[in-house]
Amino acid sequence: MAQVLALVDDLIFQAKMQETARLVGVELHACSTSGALLAAIAKETPRLVIVDLNARSNPLSAIEQMQISARDVPLVAFLSHVQVELAERARAAGCHDVMPRSQFTRDLATILAQAKSQS
């Protein structure tokens, strides 16, 4: 199974993501804080990191820290479609792909399958 880490503090959305990952055959570990995400990355380099830019634990800082320790790991972030400035800040921090939450939700199975295929 592929290893995917996600910074998501919304428990309902975590459950939806984990169910989609299970159906795709991908191991997804959800972290509720930036610190937990960075600790998990320090233990093992994932194939993909997903970040909810609306998480309460400073996700932009986590992205910046991740660029120091795991620069080559693909990073996908999602947010509300009206948060244009936050999207720009995430890209400046080093996020590879920033998308509206609706697009992320729609494409989640494909995103996870691509991580799985990077074996």
N, C-alpha and C. Protein backbone atom coordinates (compact mmCIF):
# COMPACT_ATOMS: atom_id res chain seq x y z
N MET A 1 0.83 -1.19 0.00
CA MET A 1 0.00 0.00 0.00
C MET A 1 0.87 1.25 0.00
N ALA A 2 0.38 2.32 -0.58
CA ALA A 2 1.10 3.58 -0.62
C ALA A 2 0.89 4.35 0.68
N GLN A 3 1.85 5.13 1.04
CA GLN A 3 1.78 5.94 2.25
C GLN A 3 1.43 7.37 1.86
N VAL A 4 0.30 7.87 2.38
CA VAL A 4 -0.13 9.24 2.18
C VAL A 4 -0.37 9.85 3.55
N LEU A 5 0.17 11.04 3.76
CA LEU A 5 -0.08 11.77 4.99
C LEU A 5 -0.97 12.95 4.70
N ALA A 6 -1.87 13.24 5.62
CA ALA A 6 -2.79 14.36 5.43
C ALA A 6 -2.90 15.18 6.70
N LEU A 7 -2.78 16.49 6.56
CA LEU A 7 -3.05 17.41 7.66
C LEU A 7 -4.49 17.88 7.51
N VAL A 8 -5.37 17.27 8.29
CA VAL A 8 -6.79 17.57 8.25
C VAL A 8 -7.32 17.45 9.67
N ASP A 9 -7.87 18.54 10.20
CA ASP A 9 -8.38 18.47 11.56
C ASP A 9 -9.90 18.35 11.64
N ASP A 10 -10.56 18.29 10.50
CA ASP A 10 -12.00 18.07 10.43
C ASP A 10 -12.23 16.55 10.46
N LEU A 11 -12.75 16.05 11.56
CA LEU A 11 -12.88 14.59 11.74
C LEU A 11 -13.80 13.95 10.71
N ILE A 12 -14.86 14.62 10.32
CA ILE A 12 -15.78 14.06 9.33
C ILE A 12 -15.06 13.96 7.97
N PHE A 13 -14.33 15.00 7.60
CA PHE A 13 -13.61 14.96 6.33
C PHE A 13 -12.48 13.94 6.38
N GLN A 14 -11.83 13.80 7.55
CA GLN A 14 -10.81 12.75 7.71
C GLN A 14 -11.40 11.38 7.40
N ALA A 15 -12.57 11.13 7.95
CA ALA A 15 -13.22 9.82 7.74
C ALA A 15 -13.53 9.60 6.26
N LYS A 16 -14.01 10.63 5.58
CA LYS A 16 -14.31 10.51 4.15
C LYS A 16 -13.03 10.23 3.35
N MET A 17 -11.96 10.92 3.70
CA MET A 17 -10.69 10.70 3.01
C MET A 17 -10.17 9.29 3.26
N GLN A 18 -10.25 8.82 4.49
CA GLN A 18 -9.76 7.49 4.81
C GLN A 18 -10.59 6.41 4.12
N GLU A 19 -11.88 6.62 4.00
CA GLU A 19 -12.71 5.65 3.29
C GLU A 19 -12.35 5.60 1.81
N THR A 20 -12.15 6.77 1.21
CA THR A 20 -11.74 6.81 -0.20
C THR A 20 -10.39 6.12 -0.37
N ALA A 21 -9.46 6.38 0.53
CA ALA A 21 -8.14 5.75 0.46
C ALA A 21 -8.26 4.23 0.57
N ARG A 22 -9.12 3.77 1.48
CA ARG A 22 -9.31 2.33 1.64
C ARG A 22 -9.83 1.72 0.35
N LEU A 23 -10.79 2.38 -0.29
CA LEU A 23 -11.36 1.86 -1.54
C LEU A 23 -10.33 1.83 -2.67
N VAL A 24 -9.40 2.78 -2.66
CA VAL A 24 -8.37 2.85 -3.69
C VAL A 24 -7.21 1.90 -3.38
N GLY A 25 -7.09 1.51 -2.11
CA GLY A 25 -6.00 0.63 -1.71
C GLY A 25 -4.76 1.38 -1.30
N VAL A 26 -4.96 2.54 -0.70
CA VAL A 26 -3.86 3.41 -0.28
C VAL A 26 -3.93 3.58 1.23
N GLU A 27 -2.79 3.51 1.89
CA GLU A 27 -2.73 3.77 3.32
C GLU A 27 -2.64 5.28 3.53
N LEU A 28 -3.63 5.84 4.21
CA LEU A 28 -3.67 7.27 4.49
C LEU A 28 -3.63 7.47 5.99
N HIS A 29 -2.68 8.25 6.44
CA HIS A 29 -2.58 8.58 7.86
C HIS A 29 -2.94 10.05 8.01
N ALA A 30 -4.01 10.34 8.75
CA ALA A 30 -4.45 11.71 8.96
C ALA A 30 -3.85 12.26 10.24
N CYS A 31 -3.31 13.45 10.15
CA CYS A 31 -2.73 14.15 11.29
C CYS A 31 -3.60 15.37 11.59
N SER A 32 -3.88 15.60 12.85
CA SER A 32 -4.73 16.73 13.24
C SER A 32 -3.96 18.01 13.48
N THR A 33 -2.63 17.92 13.59
CA THR A 33 -1.82 19.11 13.83
C THR A 33 -0.61 19.12 12.90
N SER A 34 -0.08 20.31 12.71
CA SER A 34 1.12 20.46 11.89
C SER A 34 2.28 19.69 12.51
N GLY A 35 2.39 19.75 13.84
CA GLY A 35 3.47 19.04 14.52
C GLY A 35 3.41 17.55 14.29
N ALA A 36 2.21 16.99 14.34
CA ALA A 36 2.05 15.55 14.09
C ALA A 36 2.41 15.21 12.66
N LEU A 37 2.06 16.07 11.72
CA LEU A 37 2.41 15.83 10.32
C LEU A 37 3.92 15.83 10.13
N LEU A 38 4.59 16.83 10.69
CA LEU A 38 6.04 16.93 10.53
C LEU A 38 6.75 15.78 11.23
N ALA A 39 6.23 15.33 12.36
CA ALA A 39 6.82 14.17 13.06
C ALA A 39 6.67 12.91 12.22
N ALA A 40 5.51 12.75 11.57
CA ALA A 40 5.29 11.57 10.72
C ALA A 40 6.21 11.60 9.51
N ILE A 41 6.42 12.78 8.94
CA ILE A 41 7.33 12.91 7.79
C ILE A 41 8.76 12.59 8.20
N ALA A 42 9.14 12.98 9.42
CA ALA A 42 10.49 12.71 9.91
C ALA A 42 10.75 11.21 10.07
N LYS A 43 9.69 10.45 10.37
CA LYS A 43 9.84 9.00 10.56
C LYS A 43 9.96 8.26 9.23
N GLU A 44 9.16 8.67 8.27
CA GLU A 44 9.14 7.97 6.98
C GLU A 44 8.66 8.93 5.89
N THR A 45 9.37 8.97 4.78
CA THR A 45 9.00 9.86 3.69
C THR A 45 7.77 9.31 2.97
N PRO A 46 6.67 10.06 2.95
CA PRO A 46 5.46 9.59 2.28
C PRO A 46 5.56 9.78 0.76
N ARG A 47 4.64 9.19 0.06
CA ARG A 47 4.56 9.39 -1.39
C ARG A 47 3.79 10.64 -1.75
N LEU A 48 2.94 11.10 -0.82
CA LEU A 48 2.11 12.27 -1.05
C LEU A 48 1.75 12.87 0.30
N VAL A 49 1.69 14.19 0.34
CA VAL A 49 1.19 14.90 1.52
C VAL A 49 0.02 15.77 1.06
N ILE A 50 -1.07 15.69 1.82
CA ILE A 50 -2.26 16.48 1.57
C ILE A 50 -2.43 17.43 2.74
N VAL A 51 -2.71 18.71 2.44
CA VAL A 51 -2.86 19.71 3.50
C VAL A 51 -4.16 20.48 3.31
N ASP A 52 -4.96 20.50 4.37
CA ASP A 52 -6.14 21.36 4.43
C ASP A 52 -5.64 22.73 4.87
N LEU A 53 -5.68 23.70 3.99
CA LEU A 53 -5.17 25.02 4.30
C LEU A 53 -6.03 25.75 5.33
N ASN A 54 -7.17 25.19 5.67
CA ASN A 54 -8.02 25.77 6.71
C ASN A 54 -7.85 25.06 8.05
N ALA A 55 -6.89 24.17 8.15
CA ALA A 55 -6.61 23.52 9.43
C ALA A 55 -6.19 24.60 10.44
N ARG A 56 -6.48 24.34 11.69
CA ARG A 56 -6.23 25.35 12.73
C ARG A 56 -4.78 25.43 13.19
N SER A 57 -3.93 24.51 12.79
CA SER A 57 -2.58 24.45 13.36
C SER A 57 -1.50 24.98 12.41
N ASN A 58 -1.75 26.10 11.77
CA ASN A 58 -0.78 26.77 10.92
C ASN A 58 -0.24 25.89 9.79
N PRO A 59 -1.09 25.55 8.85
CA PRO A 59 -0.66 24.67 7.75
C PRO A 59 0.42 25.29 6.85
N LEU A 60 0.43 26.62 6.71
CA LEU A 60 1.47 27.24 5.87
C LEU A 60 2.85 27.02 6.46
N SER A 61 2.95 27.11 7.76
CA SER A 61 4.22 26.84 8.43
C SER A 61 4.65 25.38 8.21
N ALA A 62 3.69 24.47 8.28
CA ALA A 62 4.00 23.05 8.03
C ALA A 62 4.52 22.85 6.61
N ILE A 63 3.92 23.53 5.65
CA ILE A 63 4.38 23.42 4.26
C ILE A 63 5.81 23.93 4.14
N GLU A 64 6.09 25.08 4.77
CA GLU A 64 7.44 25.63 4.71
C GLU A 64 8.45 24.68 5.36
N GLN A 65 8.10 24.11 6.51
CA GLN A 65 8.98 23.17 7.19
C GLN A 65 9.19 21.91 6.35
N MET A 66 8.12 21.46 5.71
CA MET A 66 8.22 20.27 4.88
C MET A 66 9.17 20.49 3.71
N GLN A 67 9.21 21.69 3.18
CA GLN A 67 10.09 21.98 2.05
C GLN A 67 11.55 21.86 2.45
N ILE A 68 11.84 22.01 3.73
CA ILE A 68 13.20 21.85 4.22
C ILE A 68 13.58 20.38 4.31
N SER A 69 12.66 19.55 4.82
CA SER A 69 13.00 18.16 5.09
C SER A 69 12.55 17.16 4.03
N ALA A 70 11.53 17.49 3.28
CA ALA A 70 10.98 16.53 2.31
C ALA A 70 10.59 17.24 1.02
N ARG A 71 11.53 17.95 0.45
CA ARG A 71 11.26 18.80 -0.71
C ARG A 71 10.70 18.03 -1.91
N ASP A 72 11.10 16.78 -2.10
CA ASP A 72 10.71 16.03 -3.29
C ASP A 72 9.36 15.34 -3.17
N VAL A 73 8.71 15.45 -2.03
CA VAL A 73 7.41 14.80 -1.83
C VAL A 73 6.31 15.65 -2.45
N PRO A 74 5.49 15.08 -3.32
CA PRO A 74 4.37 15.84 -3.88
C PRO A 74 3.44 16.34 -2.76
N LEU A 75 2.97 17.55 -2.93
CA LEU A 75 2.15 18.20 -1.92
C LEU A 75 0.91 18.78 -2.58
N VAL A 76 -0.26 18.36 -2.11
CA VAL A 76 -1.53 18.85 -2.61
C VAL A 76 -2.24 19.53 -1.45
N ALA A 77 -2.72 20.75 -1.68
CA ALA A 77 -3.45 21.48 -0.65
C ALA A 77 -4.82 21.87 -1.19
N PHE A 78 -5.75 21.99 -0.27
CA PHE A 78 -7.10 22.41 -0.67
C PHE A 78 -7.62 23.46 0.30
N LEU A 79 -8.57 24.25 -0.19
CA LEU A 79 -9.14 25.35 0.57
C LEU A 79 -10.44 25.79 -0.08
N SER A 80 -11.09 26.75 0.52
CA SER A 80 -12.30 27.31 -0.06
C SER A 80 -11.94 28.05 -1.35
N HIS A 81 -12.79 27.96 -2.35
CA HIS A 81 -12.49 28.57 -3.65
C HIS A 81 -12.36 30.09 -3.59
N VAL A 82 -12.87 30.73 -2.55
CA VAL A 82 -12.80 32.18 -2.45
C VAL A 82 -11.52 32.67 -1.78
N GLN A 83 -10.68 31.78 -1.30
CA GLN A 83 -9.46 32.15 -0.57
C GLN A 83 -8.26 32.28 -1.51
N VAL A 84 -8.35 33.21 -2.43
CA VAL A 84 -7.34 33.39 -3.46
C VAL A 84 -5.99 33.76 -2.85
N GLU A 85 -5.99 34.66 -1.88
CA GLU A 85 -4.73 35.09 -1.26
C GLU A 85 -4.05 33.93 -0.53
N LEU A 86 -4.83 33.13 0.18
CA LEU A 86 -4.27 31.97 0.88
C LEU A 86 -3.68 30.97 -0.12
N ALA A 87 -4.34 30.79 -1.24
CA ALA A 87 -3.81 29.89 -2.28
C ALA A 87 -2.46 30.39 -2.78
N GLU A 88 -2.33 31.68 -2.99
CA GLU A 88 -1.06 32.25 -3.45
C GLU A 88 0.02 32.08 -2.40
N ARG A 89 -0.33 32.26 -1.13
CA ARG A 89 0.64 32.09 -0.04
C ARG A 89 1.10 30.62 0.04
N ALA A 90 0.19 29.69 -0.18
CA ALA A 90 0.55 28.27 -0.15
C ALA A 90 1.51 27.94 -1.29
N ARG A 91 1.25 28.47 -2.46
CA ARG A 91 2.16 28.22 -3.60
C ARG A 91 3.54 28.82 -3.30
N ALA A 92 3.56 30.02 -2.72
CA ALA A 92 4.83 30.67 -2.39
C ALA A 92 5.59 29.87 -1.33
N ALA A 93 4.86 29.19 -0.45
CA ALA A 93 5.49 28.38 0.59
C ALA A 93 6.06 27.07 0.04
N GLY A 94 5.65 26.71 -1.19
CA GLY A 94 6.20 25.52 -1.81
C GLY A 94 5.20 24.44 -2.15
N CYS A 95 3.92 24.74 -2.06
CA CYS A 95 2.89 23.75 -2.36
C CYS A 95 2.83 23.50 -3.88
N HIS A 96 2.87 22.24 -4.27
CA HIS A 96 2.87 21.88 -5.69
C HIS A 96 1.52 22.11 -6.37
N ASP A 97 0.44 21.81 -5.66
CA ASP A 97 -0.88 21.88 -6.27
C ASP A 97 -1.88 22.38 -5.23
N VAL A 98 -2.53 23.48 -5.52
CA VAL A 98 -3.55 24.06 -4.63
C VAL A 98 -4.86 24.06 -5.39
N MET A 99 -5.89 23.52 -4.76
CA MET A 99 -7.19 23.43 -5.45
C MET A 99 -8.34 23.71 -4.50
N PRO A 100 -9.47 24.12 -5.06
CA PRO A 100 -10.66 24.31 -4.23
C PRO A 100 -11.08 22.98 -3.60
N ARG A 101 -11.67 23.06 -2.43
CA ARG A 101 -12.11 21.86 -1.71
C ARG A 101 -13.04 21.00 -2.56
N SER A 102 -13.92 21.63 -3.34
CA SER A 102 -14.86 20.88 -4.18
C SER A 102 -14.12 20.05 -5.23
N GLN A 103 -13.11 20.63 -5.86
CA GLN A 103 -12.32 19.89 -6.85
C GLN A 103 -11.52 18.79 -6.17
N PHE A 104 -10.94 19.09 -5.01
CA PHE A 104 -10.18 18.08 -4.28
C PHE A 104 -11.06 16.89 -3.94
N THR A 105 -12.25 17.17 -3.43
CA THR A 105 -13.19 16.10 -3.07
C THR A 105 -13.55 15.26 -4.29
N ARG A 106 -13.83 15.93 -5.39
CA ARG A 106 -14.20 15.23 -6.63
C ARG A 106 -13.06 14.36 -7.14
N ASP A 107 -11.82 14.86 -7.04
CA ASP A 107 -10.67 14.18 -7.62
C ASP A 107 -9.87 13.33 -6.64
N LEU A 108 -10.34 13.21 -5.39
CA LEU A 108 -9.56 12.54 -4.36
C LEU A 108 -9.15 11.12 -4.75
N ALA A 109 -10.05 10.33 -5.27
CA ALA A 109 -9.71 8.96 -5.64
C ALA A 109 -8.60 8.93 -6.68
N THR A 110 -8.65 9.83 -7.64
CA THR A 110 -7.61 9.91 -8.68
C THR A 110 -6.28 10.35 -8.08
N ILE A 111 -6.32 11.34 -7.20
CA ILE A 111 -5.10 11.83 -6.55
C ILE A 111 -4.44 10.70 -5.77
N LEU A 112 -5.23 9.95 -5.02
CA LEU A 112 -4.69 8.85 -4.22
C LEU A 112 -4.18 7.72 -5.11
N ALA A 113 -4.89 7.43 -6.19
CA ALA A 113 -4.45 6.37 -7.11
C ALA A 113 -3.12 6.73 -7.75
N GLN A 114 -2.92 8.01 -8.06
CA GLN A 114 -1.64 8.44 -8.63
C GLN A 114 -0.52 8.25 -7.62
N ALA A 115 -0.79 8.52 -6.34
CA ALA A 115 0.22 8.29 -5.30
C ALA A 115 0.56 6.81 -5.21
N LYS A 116 -0.46 5.99 -5.34
CA LYS A 116 -0.26 4.53 -5.27
C LYS A 116 0.60 4.06 -6.44
N SER A 117 0.40 4.63 -7.61
CA SER A 117 1.11 4.18 -8.81
C SER A 117 2.57 4.63 -8.83
N GLN A 118 2.97 5.47 -7.90
CA GLN A 118 4.36 5.95 -7.84
C GLN A 118 5.26 4.94 -7.13
N SER A 119 4.87 3.69 -7.12
CA SER A 119 5.64 2.65 -6.42
C SER A 119 7.06 2.56 -6.89
